[in-house]
Amino acid sequence: MRRFSKRNPLVTLADLNVTPMLDLAFVLLIIFVIATPLLEQGMNLELPEGGSTDVAIDRSDVRTVEISRDGQYLFDRKPMNLAQLEAALIQAHTDNPKTIVYIRADQQGVNKDTYAVIDACVKNGLTQFSLRTKEDNR
């Protein structure tokens, strides 16, 4: 729809209404702010009480293994069985020899699942791993 100038009926006005675009941008921003924390969650685990925080490490070197109560594994938020997990650990160590494995196991879970992950790490030369616990809030 064209709008014409009141002085000269043949000249169109080049006004662009940016209010709807700003409204859309703010709505998208709010959606992303709300949705991002929901996407970053892994398994719902009850970690045991723990010790102090780690020394400064490069987050790109960290790979996380999560173990649920019923023995399900997640490697960097991807569900896997133990054989697939071991292959993924080997590949991660091949790609980056400084790989550190964070092992997050539910405190009510069976220890054999945790030991299987530790054994897979040690067998394949991943000697840098950390059993994760709840952070100490002192």
C-alpha atoms as a PDB file:
ATOM      1  CA  MET A   1       0.000   0.000   0.000  1.00  0.00           C
ATOM      2  CA  ARG A   2       1.456   3.322  -1.040  1.00  0.00           C
ATOM      3  CA  ARG A   3       1.171   6.508   0.925  1.00  0.00           C
ATOM      4  CA  PHE A   4       1.459   9.771  -0.875  1.00  0.00           C
ATOM      5  CA  SER A   5       2.791  13.094   0.289  1.00  0.00           C
ATOM      6  CA  LYS A   6       0.208  15.797   1.036  1.00  0.00           C
ATOM      7  CA  ARG A   7       2.186  18.370  -0.914  1.00  0.00           C
ATOM      8  CA  ASN A   8       2.783  16.368  -4.063  1.00  0.00           C
ATOM      9  CA  PRO A   9       0.435  13.440  -4.741  1.00  0.00           C
ATOM     10  CA  LEU A  10       2.988  11.640  -6.952  1.00  0.00           C
ATOM     11  CA  VAL A  11       5.804  11.369  -4.378  1.00  0.00           C
ATOM     12  CA  THR A  12       5.655   8.284  -2.141  1.00  0.00           C
ATOM     13  CA  LEU A  13       6.876   8.323   1.440  1.00  0.00           C
ATOM     14  CA  ALA A  14       9.642   5.848   2.285  1.00  0.00           C
ATOM     15  CA  ASP A  15       8.729   5.231   5.913  1.00  0.00           C
ATOM     16  CA  LEU A  16       9.339   1.743   7.205  1.00  0.00           C
ATOM     17  CA  ASN A  17       7.571   0.710  10.392  1.00  0.00           C
ATOM     18  CA  VAL A  18      10.176  -1.153  12.483  1.00  0.00           C
ATOM     19  CA  THR A  19       7.992  -1.707  15.550  1.00  0.00           C
ATOM     20  CA  PRO A  20       6.732  -5.168  14.472  1.00  0.00           C
ATOM     21  CA  MET A  21      10.297  -6.243  13.690  1.00  0.00           C
ATOM     22  CA  LEU A  22      11.506  -5.129  17.130  1.00  0.00           C
ATOM     23  CA  ASP A  23       8.593  -6.947  18.768  1.00  0.00           C
ATOM     24  CA  LEU A  24       9.531 -10.118  16.920  1.00  0.00           C
ATOM     25  CA  ALA A  25      13.201  -9.745  17.912  1.00  0.00           C
ATOM     26  CA  PHE A  26      12.302  -9.347  21.593  1.00  0.00           C
ATOM     27  CA  VAL A  27       9.942 -12.342  21.510  1.00  0.00           C
ATOM     28  CA  LEU A  28      12.658 -14.507  19.929  1.00  0.00           C
ATOM     29  CA  LEU A  29      15.175 -13.298  22.510  1.00  0.00           C
ATOM     30  CA  ILE A  30      12.831 -14.249  25.348  1.00  0.00           C
ATOM     31  CA  ILE A  31      12.193 -17.676  23.803  1.00  0.00           C
ATOM     32  CA  PHE A  32      15.931 -18.363  23.487  1.00  0.00           C
ATOM     33  CA  VAL A  33      16.644 -17.181  27.038  1.00  0.00           C
ATOM     34  CA  ILE A  34      13.983 -19.546  28.397  1.00  0.00           C
ATOM     35  CA  ALA A  35      14.781 -22.518  26.134  1.00  0.00           C
ATOM     36  CA  THR A  36      18.596 -22.549  26.433  1.00  0.00           C
ATOM     37  CA  PRO A  37      18.811 -23.877  30.025  1.00  0.00           C
ATOM     38  CA  LEU A  38      16.310 -26.591  29.153  1.00  0.00           C
ATOM     39  CA  LEU A  39      18.502 -27.811  26.283  1.00  0.00           C
ATOM     40  CA  GLU A  40      21.681 -27.969  28.371  1.00  0.00           C
ATOM     41  CA  GLN A  41      20.496 -30.571  30.840  1.00  0.00           C
ATOM     42  CA  GLY A  42      21.694 -34.151  30.724  1.00  0.00           C
ATOM     43  CA  MET A  43      20.356 -36.928  32.905  1.00  0.00           C
ATOM     44  CA  ASN A  44      18.595 -36.123  36.144  1.00  0.00           C
ATOM     45  CA  LEU A  45      21.207 -37.529  38.547  1.00  0.00           C
ATOM     46  CA  GLU A  46      21.610 -37.373  42.293  1.00  0.00           C
ATOM     47  CA  LEU A  47      25.337 -36.872  42.727  1.00  0.00           C
ATOM     48  CA  PRO A  48      26.985 -37.784  46.029  1.00  0.00           C
ATOM     49  CA  GLU A  49      28.363 -35.061  48.262  1.00  0.00           C
ATOM     50  CA  GLY A  50      31.825 -34.043  47.200  1.00  0.00           C
ATOM     51  CA  GLY A  51      34.977 -32.097  47.622  1.00  0.00           C
ATOM     52  CA  SER A  52      36.532 -28.977  46.224  1.00  0.00           C
ATOM     53  CA  THR A  53      36.466 -27.545  42.737  1.00  0.00           C
ATOM     54  CA  ASP A  54      38.974 -28.381  40.007  1.00  0.00           C
ATOM     55  CA  VAL A  55      41.993 -26.398  38.976  1.00  0.00           C
ATOM     56  CA  ALA A  56      41.597 -24.323  35.822  1.00  0.00           C
ATOM     57  CA  ILE A  57      41.250 -26.568  32.778  1.00  0.00           C
ATOM     58  CA  ASP A  58      40.378 -26.012  29.150  1.00  0.00           C
ATOM     59  CA  ARG A  59      36.676 -26.884  28.723  1.00  0.00           C
ATOM     60  CA  SER A  60      37.317 -28.105  25.160  1.00  0.00           C
ATOM     61  CA  ASP A  61      39.381 -30.991  26.615  1.00  0.00           C
ATOM     62  CA  VAL A  62      36.503 -32.254  28.770  1.00  0.00           C
ATOM     63  CA  ARG A  63      34.201 -35.119  27.739  1.00  0.00           C
ATOM     64  CA  THR A  64      31.353 -36.095  30.060  1.00  0.00           C
ATOM     65  CA  VAL A  65      30.031 -39.597  30.725  1.00  0.00           C
ATOM     66  CA  GLU A  66      26.781 -39.831  32.672  1.00  0.00           C
ATOM     67  CA  ILE A  67      25.532 -43.057  34.242  1.00  0.00           C
ATOM     68  CA  SER A  68      21.905 -43.370  35.370  1.00  0.00           C
ATOM     69  CA  ARG A  69      20.540 -45.505  38.201  1.00  0.00           C
ATOM     70  CA  ASP A  70      19.569 -48.256  35.817  1.00  0.00           C
ATOM     71  CA  GLY A  71      22.922 -48.369  33.991  1.00  0.00           C
ATOM     72  CA  GLN A  72      22.206 -46.211  30.942  1.00  0.00           C
ATOM     73  CA  TYR A  73      25.157 -44.245  29.563  1.00  0.00           C
ATOM     74  CA  LEU A  74      25.319 -40.796  27.986  1.00  0.00           C
ATOM     75  CA  PHE A  75      28.514 -39.574  26.320  1.00  0.00           C
ATOM     76  CA  ASP A  76      28.359 -35.804  25.810  1.00  0.00           C
ATOM     77  CA  ARG A  77      24.544 -36.078  26.055  1.00  0.00           C
ATOM     78  CA  LYS A  78      24.273 -38.872  23.474  1.00  0.00           C
ATOM     79  CA  PRO A  79      22.854 -42.223  24.655  1.00  0.00           C
ATOM     80  CA  MET A  80      25.196 -45.172  24.097  1.00  0.00           C
ATOM     81  CA  ASN A  81      25.830 -48.707  25.283  1.00  0.00           C
ATOM     82  CA  LEU A  82      29.167 -49.642  26.872  1.00  0.00           C
ATOM     83  CA  ALA A  83      30.813 -50.793  23.613  1.00  0.00           C
ATOM     84  CA  GLN A  84      29.809 -47.597  21.799  1.00  0.00           C
ATOM     85  CA  LEU A  85      30.981 -45.560  24.779  1.00  0.00           C
ATOM     86  CA  GLU A  86      34.395 -47.221  24.747  1.00  0.00           C
ATOM     87  CA  ALA A  87      34.745 -46.565  21.005  1.00  0.00           C
ATOM     88  CA  ALA A  88      33.754 -42.918  21.515  1.00  0.00           C
ATOM     89  CA  LEU A  89      36.304 -42.554  24.334  1.00  0.00           C
ATOM     90  CA  ILE A  90      39.036 -44.020  22.130  1.00  0.00           C
ATOM     91  CA  GLN A  91      38.092 -41.629  19.305  1.00  0.00           C
ATOM     92  CA  ALA A  92      38.053 -38.631  21.669  1.00  0.00           C
ATOM     93  CA  HIS A  93      41.495 -39.572  22.998  1.00  0.00           C
ATOM     94  CA  THR A  94      42.818 -40.048  19.454  1.00  0.00           C
ATOM     95  CA  ASP A  95      41.489 -36.620  18.429  1.00  0.00           C
ATOM     96  CA  ASN A  96      42.811 -34.897  21.568  1.00  0.00           C
ATOM     97  CA  PRO A  97      45.435 -36.639  23.745  1.00  0.00           C
ATOM     98  CA  LYS A  98      44.705 -34.141  26.567  1.00  0.00           C
ATOM     99  CA  THR A  99      41.128 -35.409  26.912  1.00  0.00           C
ATOM    100  CA  ILE A 100      39.740 -35.400  30.455  1.00  0.00           C
ATOM    101  CA  VAL A 101      36.723 -37.603  31.152  1.00  0.00           C
ATOM    102  CA  TYR A 102      34.184 -36.412  33.708  1.00  0.00           C
ATOM    103  CA  ILE A 103      32.239 -39.374  35.081  1.00  0.00           C
ATOM    104  CA  ARG A 104      28.873 -38.405  36.598  1.00  0.00           C
ATOM    105  CA  ALA A 105      27.186 -41.404  38.214  1.00  0.00           C
ATOM    106  CA  ASP A 106      23.918 -41.396  40.136  1.00  0.00           C
ATOM    107  CA  GLN A 107      24.553 -42.074  43.832  1.00  0.00           C
ATOM    108  CA  GLN A 108      21.788 -44.695  43.878  1.00  0.00           C
ATOM    109  CA  GLY A 109      23.215 -46.464  40.822  1.00  0.00           C
ATOM    110  CA  VAL A 110      25.092 -49.750  40.706  1.00  0.00           C
ATOM    111  CA  ASN A 111      28.865 -49.384  41.024  1.00  0.00           C
ATOM    112  CA  LYS A 112      29.567 -52.000  38.352  1.00  0.00           C
ATOM    113  CA  ASP A 113      28.451 -49.505  35.682  1.00  0.00           C
ATOM    114  CA  THR A 114      30.832 -46.868  37.032  1.00  0.00           C
ATOM    115  CA  TYR A 115      33.666 -49.375  37.276  1.00  0.00           C
ATOM    116  CA  ALA A 116      33.060 -50.441  33.670  1.00  0.00           C
ATOM    117  CA  VAL A 117      33.564 -46.839  32.504  1.00  0.00           C
ATOM    118  CA  ILE A 118      36.699 -46.415  34.643  1.00  0.00           C
ATOM    119  CA  ASP A 119      38.047 -49.707  33.276  1.00  0.00           C
ATOM    120  CA  ALA A 120      37.362 -48.588  29.698  1.00  0.00           C
ATOM    121  CA  CYS A 121      39.214 -45.326  30.366  1.00  0.00           C
ATOM    122  CA  VAL A 122      42.269 -46.989  31.919  1.00  0.00           C
ATOM    123  CA  LYS A 123      42.414 -49.766  29.303  1.00  0.00           C
ATOM    124  CA  ASN A 124      42.561 -47.227  26.506  1.00  0.00           C
ATOM    125  CA  GLY A 125      45.086 -44.807  28.021  1.00  0.00           C
ATOM    126  CA  LEU A 126      42.644 -42.184  29.288  1.00  0.00           C
ATOM    127  CA  THR A 127      44.298 -41.722  32.654  1.00  0.00           C
ATOM    128  CA  GLN A 128      42.818 -38.291  33.261  1.00  0.00           C
ATOM    129  CA  PHE A 129      39.301 -38.782  34.539  1.00  0.00           C
ATOM    130  CA  SER A 130      37.320 -37.285  37.369  1.00  0.00           C
ATOM    131  CA  LEU A 131      34.451 -38.753  39.355  1.00  0.00           C
ATOM    132  CA  ARG A 132      32.040 -35.840  39.664  1.00  0.00           C
ATOM    133  CA  THR A 133      30.115 -35.022  42.843  1.00  0.00           C
ATOM    134  CA  LYS A 134      27.859 -32.213  44.057  1.00  0.00           C
ATOM    135  CA  GLU A 135      29.797 -29.012  44.481  1.00  0.00           C
ATOM    136  CA  ASP A 136      30.715 -28.092  48.018  1.00  0.00           C
ATOM    137  CA  ASN A 137      28.825 -24.901  48.916  1.00  0.00           C
ATOM    138  CA  ARG A 138      30.818 -23.824  51.934  1.00  0.00           C
END
